N, C-alpha and C. Protein backbone atom coordinates (compact mmCIF):
# COMPACT_ATOMS: atom_id res chain seq x y z
N MET A 1 -22.13 1.89 2.13
CA MET A 1 -20.78 1.44 1.90
C MET A 1 -19.94 1.71 3.14
N GLY A 2 -19.04 0.77 3.47
CA GLY A 2 -18.18 0.93 4.64
C GLY A 2 -17.02 1.85 4.35
N LEU A 3 -16.05 1.79 5.22
CA LEU A 3 -14.86 2.62 5.09
C LEU A 3 -13.96 2.12 3.96
N VAL A 4 -13.47 3.05 3.16
CA VAL A 4 -12.59 2.72 2.05
C VAL A 4 -11.44 3.71 2.03
N PHE A 5 -10.23 3.19 1.94
CA PHE A 5 -9.04 4.04 1.86
C PHE A 5 -8.43 3.81 0.49
N TRP A 6 -8.50 4.79 -0.39
CA TRP A 6 -7.85 4.74 -1.70
C TRP A 6 -6.79 5.82 -1.70
N SER A 7 -5.60 5.47 -2.08
CA SER A 7 -4.53 6.45 -2.14
C SER A 7 -3.83 6.35 -3.48
N ARG A 8 -3.50 7.49 -4.02
CA ARG A 8 -2.75 7.56 -5.27
C ARG A 8 -1.41 8.20 -4.96
N TYR A 9 -0.34 7.51 -5.24
CA TYR A 9 1.02 7.96 -4.96
C TYR A 9 1.24 8.25 -3.47
N GLY A 10 0.63 7.44 -2.63
CA GLY A 10 0.83 7.60 -1.19
C GLY A 10 1.91 6.66 -0.70
N ASN A 11 2.40 6.92 0.49
CA ASN A 11 3.40 6.05 1.09
C ASN A 11 2.71 4.94 1.85
N LEU A 12 3.10 3.72 1.59
CA LEU A 12 2.57 2.56 2.28
C LEU A 12 3.70 2.02 3.15
N PHE A 13 3.55 2.15 4.46
CA PHE A 13 4.58 1.69 5.38
C PHE A 13 4.16 0.35 5.96
N GLN A 14 5.10 -0.59 6.01
CA GLN A 14 4.83 -1.92 6.50
C GLN A 14 6.08 -2.47 7.15
N LYS A 15 5.97 -3.65 7.71
CA LYS A 15 7.12 -4.33 8.31
C LYS A 15 7.29 -5.65 7.60
N LEU A 16 8.46 -5.88 7.02
CA LEU A 16 8.73 -7.12 6.30
C LEU A 16 9.98 -7.80 6.83
N LEU A 17 9.86 -9.03 7.20
CA LEU A 17 10.99 -9.90 7.52
C LEU A 17 12.08 -9.21 8.35
N GLY A 18 11.68 -8.72 9.51
CA GLY A 18 12.65 -8.13 10.40
C GLY A 18 12.97 -6.67 10.12
N GLN A 19 12.57 -6.17 8.97
CA GLN A 19 12.78 -4.76 8.67
C GLN A 19 11.67 -3.97 9.36
N SER A 20 11.95 -2.76 9.73
CA SER A 20 10.90 -1.98 10.37
C SER A 20 10.59 -0.72 9.57
N ARG A 21 9.32 -0.49 9.41
CA ARG A 21 8.82 0.74 8.80
C ARG A 21 9.47 1.04 7.45
N VAL A 22 9.44 0.09 6.58
CA VAL A 22 9.99 0.23 5.24
C VAL A 22 8.90 0.79 4.33
N PRO A 23 9.14 1.94 3.70
CA PRO A 23 8.09 2.49 2.83
C PRO A 23 8.13 1.88 1.43
N ILE A 24 6.95 1.64 0.90
CA ILE A 24 6.77 1.29 -0.50
C ILE A 24 5.85 2.38 -1.04
N VAL A 25 6.12 2.86 -2.23
CA VAL A 25 5.30 3.92 -2.79
C VAL A 25 4.63 3.41 -4.07
N PRO A 26 3.46 2.77 -3.91
CA PRO A 26 2.75 2.30 -5.08
C PRO A 26 2.07 3.47 -5.80
N ASP A 27 1.70 3.24 -7.05
CA ASP A 27 0.97 4.28 -7.78
C ASP A 27 -0.45 4.42 -7.24
N GLY A 28 -0.97 3.37 -6.64
CA GLY A 28 -2.27 3.43 -6.01
C GLY A 28 -2.50 2.18 -5.18
N PHE A 29 -3.29 2.30 -4.13
CA PHE A 29 -3.66 1.11 -3.35
C PHE A 29 -5.02 1.32 -2.69
N LEU A 30 -5.69 0.22 -2.41
CA LEU A 30 -7.03 0.23 -1.84
C LEU A 30 -7.05 -0.63 -0.59
N SER A 31 -7.53 -0.07 0.51
CA SER A 31 -7.72 -0.81 1.75
C SER A 31 -9.17 -0.67 2.17
N LEU A 32 -9.80 -1.79 2.43
CA LEU A 32 -11.20 -1.80 2.87
C LEU A 32 -11.26 -1.81 4.39
N GLY A 33 -12.21 -1.08 4.94
CA GLY A 33 -12.37 -1.02 6.39
C GLY A 33 -11.48 0.02 7.06
N VAL A 34 -10.87 0.90 6.26
CA VAL A 34 -9.97 1.93 6.80
C VAL A 34 -10.44 3.29 6.28
N ASP A 35 -10.58 4.25 7.17
CA ASP A 35 -11.04 5.59 6.80
C ASP A 35 -9.90 6.38 6.16
N ARG A 36 -10.20 7.09 5.10
CA ARG A 36 -9.21 7.93 4.40
C ARG A 36 -8.89 9.20 5.20
N VAL A 37 -9.80 9.58 6.08
CA VAL A 37 -9.65 10.79 6.88
C VAL A 37 -9.24 10.40 8.29
N LYS A 38 -8.25 11.09 8.82
CA LYS A 38 -7.81 10.86 10.20
C LYS A 38 -7.60 12.22 10.85
N GLY A 39 -8.33 12.48 11.91
CA GLY A 39 -8.21 13.78 12.57
C GLY A 39 -8.67 14.92 11.68
N ASN A 40 -9.73 14.73 10.92
CA ASN A 40 -10.30 15.73 10.00
C ASN A 40 -9.38 16.10 8.84
N ARG A 41 -8.38 15.27 8.56
CA ARG A 41 -7.46 15.55 7.45
C ARG A 41 -7.29 14.29 6.59
N LEU A 42 -7.14 14.50 5.29
CA LEU A 42 -6.81 13.38 4.41
C LEU A 42 -5.38 12.96 4.68
N ARG A 43 -5.16 11.67 4.69
CA ARG A 43 -3.82 11.16 5.00
C ARG A 43 -3.02 10.93 3.73
N LYS A 44 -1.72 11.19 3.81
CA LYS A 44 -0.82 10.95 2.69
C LYS A 44 -0.05 9.65 2.87
N SER A 45 -0.03 9.13 4.09
CA SER A 45 0.69 7.91 4.39
C SER A 45 -0.24 6.91 5.06
N TYR A 46 0.10 5.64 4.91
CA TYR A 46 -0.68 4.54 5.45
C TYR A 46 0.27 3.64 6.23
N PHE A 47 0.08 3.57 7.54
CA PHE A 47 0.92 2.75 8.40
C PHE A 47 0.14 1.50 8.76
N VAL A 48 0.56 0.37 8.22
CA VAL A 48 -0.18 -0.88 8.40
C VAL A 48 -0.37 -1.20 9.87
N TRP A 49 0.66 -1.02 10.70
CA TRP A 49 0.57 -1.35 12.11
C TRP A 49 -0.37 -0.43 12.88
N GLU A 50 -0.70 0.74 12.34
CA GLU A 50 -1.65 1.63 12.99
C GLU A 50 -3.09 1.37 12.52
N GLU A 51 -3.25 0.51 11.55
CA GLU A 51 -4.58 0.21 10.98
C GLU A 51 -4.99 -1.22 11.29
N LYS A 52 -4.67 -1.68 12.50
CA LYS A 52 -5.01 -3.04 12.93
C LYS A 52 -4.46 -4.07 11.96
N ASP A 53 -3.31 -3.78 11.37
CA ASP A 53 -2.64 -4.67 10.42
C ASP A 53 -3.50 -5.00 9.20
N ILE A 54 -4.37 -4.07 8.82
CA ILE A 54 -5.17 -4.25 7.60
C ILE A 54 -4.27 -3.97 6.40
N ILE A 55 -4.04 -5.01 5.62
CA ILE A 55 -3.19 -4.94 4.43
C ILE A 55 -4.04 -4.45 3.26
N PRO A 56 -3.52 -3.60 2.40
CA PRO A 56 -4.29 -3.22 1.21
C PRO A 56 -4.74 -4.45 0.43
N THR A 57 -5.97 -4.39 -0.06
CA THR A 57 -6.53 -5.48 -0.84
C THR A 57 -5.99 -5.44 -2.27
N LEU A 58 -5.82 -4.24 -2.79
CA LEU A 58 -5.38 -4.07 -4.17
C LEU A 58 -4.26 -3.04 -4.23
N VAL A 59 -3.24 -3.34 -5.04
CA VAL A 59 -2.15 -2.39 -5.29
C VAL A 59 -2.03 -2.22 -6.80
N LEU A 60 -1.88 -0.99 -7.24
CA LEU A 60 -1.76 -0.66 -8.66
C LEU A 60 -0.39 -0.04 -8.92
N GLU A 61 0.30 -0.57 -9.91
CA GLU A 61 1.58 0.00 -10.34
C GLU A 61 1.49 0.28 -11.83
N VAL A 62 1.90 1.47 -12.24
CA VAL A 62 1.94 1.86 -13.64
C VAL A 62 3.40 1.82 -14.08
N VAL A 63 3.67 1.08 -15.13
CA VAL A 63 5.05 0.91 -15.60
C VAL A 63 5.39 2.03 -16.58
N SER A 64 6.53 2.63 -16.36
CA SER A 64 7.01 3.67 -17.27
C SER A 64 8.23 3.13 -18.02
N GLU A 65 8.87 3.97 -18.76
CA GLU A 65 10.05 3.55 -19.50
C GLU A 65 11.22 3.25 -18.57
N LYS A 66 11.22 3.84 -17.39
CA LYS A 66 12.29 3.62 -16.43
C LYS A 66 11.93 2.44 -15.53
N TYR A 67 12.83 1.48 -15.40
CA TYR A 67 12.59 0.29 -14.58
C TYR A 67 12.39 0.68 -13.13
N GLY A 68 11.33 0.14 -12.53
CA GLY A 68 11.05 0.46 -11.15
C GLY A 68 10.84 -0.77 -10.28
N GLY A 69 11.18 -1.95 -10.78
CA GLY A 69 11.05 -3.15 -9.98
C GLY A 69 9.64 -3.72 -9.91
N GLU A 70 8.75 -3.24 -10.77
CA GLU A 70 7.35 -3.66 -10.70
C GLU A 70 7.16 -5.15 -10.93
N TYR A 71 7.97 -5.75 -11.80
CA TYR A 71 7.80 -7.15 -12.14
C TYR A 71 8.58 -8.10 -11.23
N HIS A 72 9.42 -7.58 -10.37
CA HIS A 72 10.23 -8.44 -9.53
C HIS A 72 10.17 -8.03 -8.06
N GLU A 73 10.93 -7.02 -7.69
CA GLU A 73 11.05 -6.65 -6.28
C GLU A 73 9.71 -6.24 -5.66
N LYS A 74 9.01 -5.33 -6.33
CA LYS A 74 7.74 -4.87 -5.76
C LYS A 74 6.71 -5.99 -5.72
N MET A 75 6.66 -6.81 -6.77
CA MET A 75 5.73 -7.93 -6.79
C MET A 75 6.01 -8.87 -5.62
N ARG A 76 7.27 -9.15 -5.37
CA ARG A 76 7.66 -10.02 -4.26
C ARG A 76 7.28 -9.39 -2.91
N ASP A 77 7.57 -8.09 -2.74
CA ASP A 77 7.25 -7.42 -1.48
C ASP A 77 5.75 -7.40 -1.20
N TYR A 78 4.96 -7.11 -2.22
CA TYR A 78 3.50 -7.10 -2.01
C TYR A 78 2.97 -8.49 -1.70
N ALA A 79 3.53 -9.51 -2.33
CA ALA A 79 3.12 -10.89 -2.03
C ALA A 79 3.46 -11.24 -0.58
N ARG A 80 4.64 -10.88 -0.13
CA ARG A 80 5.04 -11.13 1.27
C ARG A 80 4.16 -10.38 2.25
N LEU A 81 3.75 -9.19 1.86
CA LEU A 81 2.88 -8.38 2.71
C LEU A 81 1.48 -8.98 2.82
N GLY A 82 1.05 -9.69 1.77
CA GLY A 82 -0.27 -10.32 1.78
C GLY A 82 -1.30 -9.61 0.93
N VAL A 83 -0.85 -8.75 0.03
CA VAL A 83 -1.78 -8.06 -0.88
C VAL A 83 -2.44 -9.10 -1.77
N LEU A 84 -3.77 -9.05 -1.86
CA LEU A 84 -4.51 -10.04 -2.65
C LEU A 84 -4.42 -9.81 -4.15
N TYR A 85 -4.51 -8.54 -4.57
CA TYR A 85 -4.53 -8.22 -6.00
C TYR A 85 -3.44 -7.20 -6.30
N TYR A 86 -2.59 -7.54 -7.26
CA TYR A 86 -1.51 -6.67 -7.68
C TYR A 86 -1.66 -6.46 -9.19
N VAL A 87 -1.90 -5.23 -9.59
CA VAL A 87 -2.15 -4.91 -11.00
C VAL A 87 -1.02 -4.05 -11.51
N ILE A 88 -0.40 -4.51 -12.61
CA ILE A 88 0.67 -3.75 -13.25
C ILE A 88 0.13 -3.19 -14.56
């Protein structure tokens, strides 16, 4: 198996429409071809521009009683970013 980066409650930093380094904090995301370890340490953040612009393949959001934008804002942002699979 190749490199796999799975993060739970990690910061996903990306650049969207002129904004720079805007963090999104999904409940989980999966990126293929990216190592979870960097410099002998597990990473808590994922910077898309430092990973050869590899966008997460899958993003997972768990809905709670408090509205968090999962059905609107976050769905739109992940679509703009190019995430293939978005699971709520």
